[in-house]
Amino acid sequence: MGQALPRHAWRTRVRAAISLDGGLTLGEIFDIDDNAPVGRIGTEWLDDAHAIVSWIGSPEGGTSSAPLLLNLIAEDGQALRRMELARISSARDSGIPQVLVDGSSVYLAWTDSGPGFGIRLVTVEAANLLSMGR
C-alpha cells in the first residue's frame, strides 16, 4: 500500500481524466482548477469530441460568494474554454449544481441560498461554447 500524504500536503482541486472506451481505460489526469475550489463537480458530454465540466470555484475575499464555472474540454484533455456563469453561495445550501446538455443548449441549475432557496438556472448555447473554444 502507498504511504498517505501528510495532511498539510493535501490541497483542494478539480481534476479530470477522459475515457474514450466507456471507462475501461482513462487518459492522463489533468488539473482543471487548483486554486482551492469548493468543488461540487458536474460533467456531461457536449458532443462526440467535447466534454463539459462545471464546479464551484474558490470564494473570494473571505465571503461566501464563489463563481460557478464551466470548462469545455476536448477529448484529448485540452481545456478549450473556461467561463464564469454566475456568482453563487459557496455554502452547502447551494447544493451540487446540475449540468444537462439537451440538443443545442447546456443548462446549469443550482439551489439559491436562503431564505428563498429557489432554483436558479443558466442556459448556454452549445454553438457558442464550441465557437469560443476555437
N, C-alpha and C. Protein backbone atom coordinates (compact mmCIF):
# COMPACT_ATOMS: atom_id res chain seq x y z
N MET A 1 0.83 -1.18 0.00
CA MET A 1 0.00 0.00 0.00
C MET A 1 0.87 1.24 0.00
N GLY A 2 0.39 2.27 -0.66
CA GLY A 2 1.12 3.53 -0.71
C GLY A 2 1.05 4.25 0.62
N GLN A 3 1.97 5.11 0.81
CA GLN A 3 2.03 5.89 2.03
C GLN A 3 1.14 7.12 1.89
N ALA A 4 0.36 7.41 2.93
CA ALA A 4 -0.53 8.56 2.90
C ALA A 4 0.27 9.85 2.96
N LEU A 5 -0.23 10.85 2.25
CA LEU A 5 0.39 12.17 2.30
C LEU A 5 0.11 12.83 3.64
N PRO A 6 1.04 13.59 4.16
CA PRO A 6 0.75 14.34 5.37
C PRO A 6 -0.39 15.32 5.11
N ARG A 7 -1.20 15.59 6.10
CA ARG A 7 -2.38 16.44 5.94
C ARG A 7 -2.05 17.79 5.31
N HIS A 8 -0.92 18.38 5.68
CA HIS A 8 -0.57 19.69 5.13
C HIS A 8 -0.25 19.63 3.63
N ALA A 9 -0.03 18.43 3.08
CA ALA A 9 0.29 18.29 1.67
C ALA A 9 -0.98 18.20 0.80
N TRP A 10 -2.13 18.00 1.42
CA TRP A 10 -3.37 17.92 0.66
C TRP A 10 -3.76 19.30 0.19
N ARG A 11 -4.36 19.34 -0.97
CA ARG A 11 -4.89 20.60 -1.45
C ARG A 11 -6.16 20.32 -2.25
N THR A 12 -7.06 21.25 -2.20
CA THR A 12 -8.31 21.12 -2.91
C THR A 12 -8.10 21.49 -4.37
N ARG A 13 -8.60 20.66 -5.28
CA ARG A 13 -8.51 20.95 -6.70
C ARG A 13 -9.55 20.14 -7.45
N VAL A 14 -9.83 20.57 -8.65
CA VAL A 14 -10.73 19.84 -9.55
C VAL A 14 -9.84 19.22 -10.61
N ARG A 15 -9.99 17.91 -10.79
CA ARG A 15 -9.18 17.18 -11.76
C ARG A 15 -10.11 16.37 -12.66
N ALA A 16 -9.59 15.98 -13.82
CA ALA A 16 -10.38 15.17 -14.75
C ALA A 16 -9.49 14.22 -15.52
N ALA A 17 -10.10 13.20 -16.05
CA ALA A 17 -9.46 12.27 -16.98
C ALA A 17 -10.56 11.83 -17.96
N ILE A 18 -10.22 11.72 -19.20
CA ILE A 18 -11.18 11.36 -20.24
C ILE A 18 -11.05 9.88 -20.58
N SER A 19 -12.19 9.22 -20.72
CA SER A 19 -12.23 7.85 -21.20
C SER A 19 -12.93 7.83 -22.54
N LEU A 20 -12.31 7.21 -23.52
CA LEU A 20 -12.91 7.11 -24.85
C LEU A 20 -13.41 5.70 -25.15
N ASP A 21 -13.37 4.82 -24.13
CA ASP A 21 -13.81 3.44 -24.34
C ASP A 21 -14.80 2.98 -23.26
N GLY A 22 -15.65 3.90 -22.85
CA GLY A 22 -16.69 3.54 -21.88
C GLY A 22 -16.17 3.29 -20.48
N GLY A 23 -15.02 3.82 -20.14
CA GLY A 23 -14.49 3.69 -18.80
C GLY A 23 -13.52 2.54 -18.58
N LEU A 24 -13.22 1.77 -19.63
CA LEU A 24 -12.26 0.68 -19.48
C LEU A 24 -10.87 1.21 -19.18
N THR A 25 -10.51 2.32 -19.83
CA THR A 25 -9.22 2.97 -19.56
C THR A 25 -9.45 4.47 -19.45
N LEU A 26 -8.53 5.14 -18.77
CA LEU A 26 -8.60 6.59 -18.63
C LEU A 26 -7.35 7.22 -19.22
N GLY A 27 -7.54 8.39 -19.80
CA GLY A 27 -6.40 9.16 -20.27
C GLY A 27 -5.68 9.79 -19.09
N GLU A 28 -4.73 10.62 -19.38
CA GLU A 28 -3.94 11.28 -18.35
C GLU A 28 -4.83 12.17 -17.49
N ILE A 29 -4.58 12.18 -16.19
CA ILE A 29 -5.30 13.04 -15.26
C ILE A 29 -4.71 14.44 -15.36
N PHE A 30 -5.59 15.44 -15.43
CA PHE A 30 -5.12 16.82 -15.53
C PHE A 30 -5.93 17.71 -14.59
N ASP A 31 -5.29 18.78 -14.15
CA ASP A 31 -5.95 19.75 -13.27
C ASP A 31 -6.80 20.71 -14.10
N ILE A 32 -8.00 20.97 -13.61
CA ILE A 32 -8.87 21.97 -14.21
C ILE A 32 -8.82 23.25 -13.38
N ASP A 33 -8.79 23.08 -12.04
CA ASP A 33 -8.72 24.24 -11.13
C ASP A 33 -7.95 23.79 -9.89
N ASP A 34 -6.80 24.41 -9.65
CA ASP A 34 -6.01 24.08 -8.46
C ASP A 34 -5.90 25.27 -7.51
N ASN A 35 -6.88 26.19 -7.61
CA ASN A 35 -6.90 27.38 -6.78
C ASN A 35 -7.90 27.24 -5.62
N ALA A 36 -7.82 26.14 -4.89
CA ALA A 36 -8.67 25.87 -3.73
C ALA A 36 -10.17 26.02 -4.02
N PRO A 37 -10.67 25.34 -5.07
CA PRO A 37 -12.10 25.44 -5.38
C PRO A 37 -12.95 24.73 -4.32
N VAL A 38 -14.22 25.11 -4.26
CA VAL A 38 -15.17 24.41 -3.40
C VAL A 38 -15.41 23.02 -3.95
N GLY A 39 -15.57 22.92 -5.27
CA GLY A 39 -15.78 21.63 -5.92
C GLY A 39 -17.22 21.47 -6.36
N ARG A 40 -17.86 20.36 -5.95
CA ARG A 40 -19.24 20.03 -6.35
C ARG A 40 -19.35 19.99 -7.87
N ILE A 41 -18.69 19.02 -8.43
CA ILE A 41 -18.44 18.92 -9.86
C ILE A 41 -19.61 18.26 -10.60
N GLY A 42 -19.86 18.77 -11.80
CA GLY A 42 -20.81 18.16 -12.72
C GLY A 42 -20.10 17.94 -14.05
N THR A 43 -20.43 16.86 -14.74
CA THR A 43 -19.83 16.59 -16.05
C THR A 43 -20.90 16.12 -17.02
N GLU A 44 -20.65 16.38 -18.29
CA GLU A 44 -21.57 15.94 -19.34
C GLU A 44 -20.82 16.03 -20.66
N TRP A 45 -21.07 15.09 -21.57
CA TRP A 45 -20.53 15.19 -22.92
C TRP A 45 -21.37 16.19 -23.69
N LEU A 46 -20.72 17.12 -24.38
CA LEU A 46 -21.42 18.08 -25.22
C LEU A 46 -21.70 17.47 -26.59
N ASP A 47 -20.70 16.78 -27.11
CA ASP A 47 -20.82 16.05 -28.38
C ASP A 47 -19.79 14.92 -28.34
N ASP A 48 -19.49 14.31 -29.48
CA ASP A 48 -18.56 13.18 -29.50
C ASP A 48 -17.12 13.56 -29.19
N ALA A 49 -16.78 14.85 -29.24
CA ALA A 49 -15.39 15.26 -29.08
C ALA A 49 -15.15 16.27 -27.95
N HIS A 50 -16.22 16.67 -27.24
CA HIS A 50 -16.08 17.70 -26.21
C HIS A 50 -16.89 17.35 -24.96
N ALA A 51 -16.28 17.57 -23.82
CA ALA A 51 -16.96 17.38 -22.54
C ALA A 51 -17.08 18.72 -21.83
N ILE A 52 -18.04 18.80 -20.94
CA ILE A 52 -18.23 19.99 -20.10
C ILE A 52 -18.01 19.57 -18.66
N VAL A 53 -17.27 20.40 -17.93
CA VAL A 53 -17.09 20.21 -16.50
C VAL A 53 -17.56 21.49 -15.84
N SER A 54 -18.43 21.37 -14.84
CA SER A 54 -18.86 22.54 -14.07
C SER A 54 -18.46 22.31 -12.62
N TRP A 55 -18.21 23.40 -11.91
CA TRP A 55 -17.84 23.31 -10.50
C TRP A 55 -17.96 24.69 -9.85
N ILE A 56 -17.92 24.69 -8.52
CA ILE A 56 -17.91 25.94 -7.76
C ILE A 56 -16.46 26.27 -7.44
N GLY A 57 -16.04 27.46 -7.86
CA GLY A 57 -14.66 27.89 -7.66
C GLY A 57 -14.40 28.35 -6.23
N SER A 58 -13.28 28.98 -6.05
CA SER A 58 -12.84 29.44 -4.74
C SER A 58 -13.58 30.72 -4.34
N PRO A 59 -14.10 30.78 -3.10
CA PRO A 59 -14.70 32.03 -2.62
C PRO A 59 -13.65 33.13 -2.58
N GLU A 60 -14.07 34.34 -2.86
CA GLU A 60 -13.13 35.45 -2.92
C GLU A 60 -13.30 36.38 -1.73
N GLY A 61 -12.16 36.83 -1.21
CA GLY A 61 -12.15 37.86 -0.19
C GLY A 61 -12.84 37.51 1.11
N GLY A 62 -12.81 36.25 1.50
CA GLY A 62 -13.42 35.85 2.76
C GLY A 62 -14.93 35.87 2.76
N THR A 63 -15.55 35.99 1.58
CA THR A 63 -17.02 35.98 1.51
C THR A 63 -17.50 34.56 1.23
N SER A 64 -18.80 34.38 1.23
CA SER A 64 -19.35 33.06 0.88
C SER A 64 -19.79 33.04 -0.58
N SER A 65 -19.45 34.07 -1.35
CA SER A 65 -19.78 34.13 -2.77
C SER A 65 -18.63 33.52 -3.58
N ALA A 66 -18.99 32.62 -4.49
CA ALA A 66 -17.98 31.94 -5.30
C ALA A 66 -18.49 31.84 -6.74
N PRO A 67 -17.58 31.72 -7.70
CA PRO A 67 -18.02 31.60 -9.09
C PRO A 67 -18.50 30.19 -9.42
N LEU A 68 -19.57 30.11 -10.19
CA LEU A 68 -19.98 28.85 -10.80
C LEU A 68 -19.28 28.82 -12.15
N LEU A 69 -18.39 27.87 -12.34
CA LEU A 69 -17.52 27.83 -13.51
C LEU A 69 -17.88 26.67 -14.43
N LEU A 70 -17.56 26.85 -15.69
CA LEU A 70 -17.76 25.82 -16.70
C LEU A 70 -16.52 25.78 -17.57
N ASN A 71 -16.07 24.58 -17.88
CA ASN A 71 -14.90 24.42 -18.74
C ASN A 71 -15.26 23.46 -19.86
N LEU A 72 -14.97 23.85 -21.09
CA LEU A 72 -15.13 23.00 -22.25
C LEU A 72 -13.80 22.29 -22.47
N ILE A 73 -13.84 20.97 -22.57
CA ILE A 73 -12.62 20.17 -22.69
C ILE A 73 -12.71 19.29 -23.92
N ALA A 74 -11.63 19.25 -24.70
CA ALA A 74 -11.55 18.37 -25.86
C ALA A 74 -11.27 16.95 -25.40
N GLU A 75 -11.56 15.99 -26.25
CA GLU A 75 -11.37 14.58 -25.87
C GLU A 75 -9.91 14.25 -25.57
N ASP A 76 -8.97 15.06 -26.02
CA ASP A 76 -7.56 14.83 -25.70
C ASP A 76 -7.16 15.46 -24.36
N GLY A 77 -8.13 16.07 -23.66
CA GLY A 77 -7.87 16.66 -22.36
C GLY A 77 -7.52 18.13 -22.39
N GLN A 78 -7.42 18.71 -23.58
CA GLN A 78 -7.08 20.12 -23.69
C GLN A 78 -8.27 20.98 -23.25
N ALA A 79 -8.02 21.90 -22.30
CA ALA A 79 -9.05 22.83 -21.85
C ALA A 79 -9.19 23.92 -22.91
N LEU A 80 -10.38 24.02 -23.50
CA LEU A 80 -10.59 24.95 -24.61
C LEU A 80 -11.20 26.27 -24.18
N ARG A 81 -12.07 26.24 -23.21
CA ARG A 81 -12.79 27.45 -22.83
C ARG A 81 -13.23 27.35 -21.38
N ARG A 82 -12.89 28.36 -20.60
CA ARG A 82 -13.33 28.43 -19.20
C ARG A 82 -14.13 29.71 -19.04
N MET A 83 -15.30 29.59 -18.42
CA MET A 83 -16.13 30.77 -18.24
C MET A 83 -16.85 30.75 -16.90
N GLU A 84 -17.04 31.94 -16.34
CA GLU A 84 -17.84 32.09 -15.13
C GLU A 84 -19.28 32.33 -15.55
N LEU A 85 -20.19 31.51 -15.02
CA LEU A 85 -21.59 31.62 -15.41
C LEU A 85 -22.41 32.46 -14.44
N ALA A 86 -22.03 32.42 -13.16
CA ALA A 86 -22.79 33.15 -12.13
C ALA A 86 -21.95 33.20 -10.86
N ARG A 87 -22.39 34.02 -9.92
CA ARG A 87 -21.83 34.02 -8.57
C ARG A 87 -22.88 33.36 -7.69
N ILE A 88 -22.46 32.34 -6.95
CA ILE A 88 -23.41 31.62 -6.10
C ILE A 88 -22.82 31.47 -4.71
N SER A 89 -23.62 30.99 -3.80
CA SER A 89 -23.17 30.75 -2.43
C SER A 89 -22.23 29.55 -2.43
N SER A 90 -21.12 29.67 -1.72
CA SER A 90 -20.22 28.53 -1.59
C SER A 90 -20.63 27.64 -0.42
N ALA A 91 -21.66 28.05 0.32
CA ALA A 91 -22.15 27.25 1.45
C ALA A 91 -22.88 26.01 0.93
N ARG A 92 -23.09 25.07 1.80
CA ARG A 92 -23.71 23.80 1.41
C ARG A 92 -25.14 23.98 0.91
N ASP A 93 -25.80 25.09 1.28
CA ASP A 93 -27.19 25.27 0.88
C ASP A 93 -27.37 25.49 -0.62
N SER A 94 -26.27 25.74 -1.36
CA SER A 94 -26.38 25.86 -2.82
C SER A 94 -26.44 24.49 -3.49
N GLY A 95 -26.20 23.43 -2.71
CA GLY A 95 -26.28 22.08 -3.25
C GLY A 95 -25.17 21.78 -4.23
N ILE A 96 -25.43 20.84 -5.10
CA ILE A 96 -24.49 20.45 -6.15
C ILE A 96 -25.10 20.88 -7.48
N PRO A 97 -24.53 21.92 -8.10
CA PRO A 97 -25.09 22.35 -9.38
C PRO A 97 -25.15 21.20 -10.39
N GLN A 98 -26.27 21.14 -11.09
CA GLN A 98 -26.51 20.06 -12.05
C GLN A 98 -26.33 20.60 -13.46
N VAL A 99 -25.66 19.83 -14.31
CA VAL A 99 -25.45 20.22 -15.71
C VAL A 99 -26.17 19.22 -16.60
N LEU A 100 -26.82 19.74 -17.65
CA LEU A 100 -27.57 18.92 -18.60
C LEU A 100 -27.36 19.49 -19.99
N VAL A 101 -27.06 18.62 -20.94
CA VAL A 101 -26.99 19.01 -22.34
C VAL A 101 -28.23 18.46 -23.01
N ASP A 102 -28.98 19.35 -23.65
CA ASP A 102 -30.21 18.97 -24.32
C ASP A 102 -30.23 19.62 -25.70
N GLY A 103 -29.86 18.84 -26.69
CA GLY A 103 -29.82 19.37 -28.05
C GLY A 103 -28.76 20.45 -28.18
N SER A 104 -29.18 21.65 -28.48
CA SER A 104 -28.24 22.74 -28.72
C SER A 104 -28.00 23.61 -27.49
N SER A 105 -28.54 23.22 -26.34
CA SER A 105 -28.40 24.03 -25.13
C SER A 105 -27.77 23.26 -23.99
N VAL A 106 -27.02 24.01 -23.16
CA VAL A 106 -26.44 23.49 -21.93
C VAL A 106 -27.13 24.22 -20.79
N TYR A 107 -27.66 23.46 -19.83
CA TYR A 107 -28.36 24.04 -18.69
C TYR A 107 -27.58 23.73 -17.42
N LEU A 108 -27.44 24.72 -16.55
CA LEU A 108 -26.89 24.52 -15.22
C LEU A 108 -27.89 25.04 -14.22
N ALA A 109 -28.23 24.21 -13.24
CA ALA A 109 -29.21 24.58 -12.22
C ALA A 109 -28.60 24.36 -10.84
N TRP A 110 -28.96 25.21 -9.90
CA TRP A 110 -28.49 25.10 -8.52
C TRP A 110 -29.54 25.71 -7.60
N THR A 111 -29.39 25.45 -6.31
CA THR A 111 -30.29 25.99 -5.30
C THR A 111 -29.78 27.34 -4.85
N ASP A 112 -30.65 28.34 -4.90
CA ASP A 112 -30.29 29.67 -4.40
C ASP A 112 -30.23 29.60 -2.87
N SER A 113 -29.33 30.38 -2.29
CA SER A 113 -29.20 30.34 -0.83
C SER A 113 -30.42 30.97 -0.16
N GLY A 114 -30.56 30.69 1.14
CA GLY A 114 -31.71 31.13 1.92
C GLY A 114 -31.80 32.64 2.02
N PRO A 115 -32.92 33.17 2.36
CA PRO A 115 -34.06 32.42 2.86
C PRO A 115 -34.98 31.88 1.77
N GLY A 116 -34.77 32.27 0.51
CA GLY A 116 -35.69 31.85 -0.55
C GLY A 116 -35.52 30.42 -1.00
N PHE A 117 -34.29 29.93 -1.12
CA PHE A 117 -33.98 28.57 -1.54
C PHE A 117 -34.66 28.18 -2.84
N GLY A 118 -34.79 29.11 -3.78
CA GLY A 118 -35.37 28.79 -5.07
C GLY A 118 -34.35 28.10 -5.97
N ILE A 119 -34.82 27.63 -7.10
CA ILE A 119 -33.94 27.00 -8.08
C ILE A 119 -33.53 28.06 -9.09
N ARG A 120 -32.24 28.16 -9.35
CA ARG A 120 -31.70 29.11 -10.32
C ARG A 120 -31.25 28.31 -11.54
N LEU A 121 -31.31 28.92 -12.70
CA LEU A 121 -30.96 28.25 -13.95
C LEU A 121 -30.23 29.22 -14.87
N VAL A 122 -29.17 28.73 -15.50
CA VAL A 122 -28.49 29.49 -16.53
C VAL A 122 -28.38 28.58 -17.76
N THR A 123 -28.56 29.18 -18.94
CA THR A 123 -28.51 28.44 -20.20
C THR A 123 -27.39 29.00 -21.07
N VAL A 124 -26.62 28.12 -21.67
CA VAL A 124 -25.57 28.49 -22.61
C VAL A 124 -25.80 27.70 -23.88
N GLU A 125 -25.73 28.37 -25.01
CA GLU A 125 -25.89 27.68 -26.28
C GLU A 125 -24.61 26.90 -26.61
N ALA A 126 -24.77 25.63 -26.98
CA ALA A 126 -23.62 24.77 -27.29
C ALA A 126 -22.77 25.35 -28.42
N ALA A 127 -23.41 25.92 -29.42
CA ALA A 127 -22.67 26.50 -30.55
C ALA A 127 -21.76 27.63 -30.08
N ASN A 128 -22.21 28.42 -29.10
CA ASN A 128 -21.39 29.49 -28.57
C ASN A 128 -20.17 28.93 -27.83
N LEU A 129 -20.36 27.87 -27.08
CA LEU A 129 -19.23 27.24 -26.39
C LEU A 129 -18.21 26.73 -27.39
N LEU A 130 -18.67 26.06 -28.41
CA LEU A 130 -17.76 25.48 -29.39
C LEU A 130 -17.05 26.56 -30.20
N SER A 131 -17.72 27.63 -30.54
CA SER A 131 -17.06 28.68 -31.32
C SER A 131 -16.06 29.44 -30.45
N MET A 132 -16.32 29.58 -29.15
CA MET A 132 -15.38 30.25 -28.24
C MET A 132 -14.17 29.38 -27.98
N GLY A 133 -14.34 28.06 -28.12
CA GLY A 133 -13.25 27.14 -27.85
C GLY A 133 -12.21 27.07 -28.96
N ARG A 134 -12.50 27.69 -30.07
CA ARG A 134 -11.57 27.61 -31.21
C ARG A 134 -10.59 28.73 -31.21
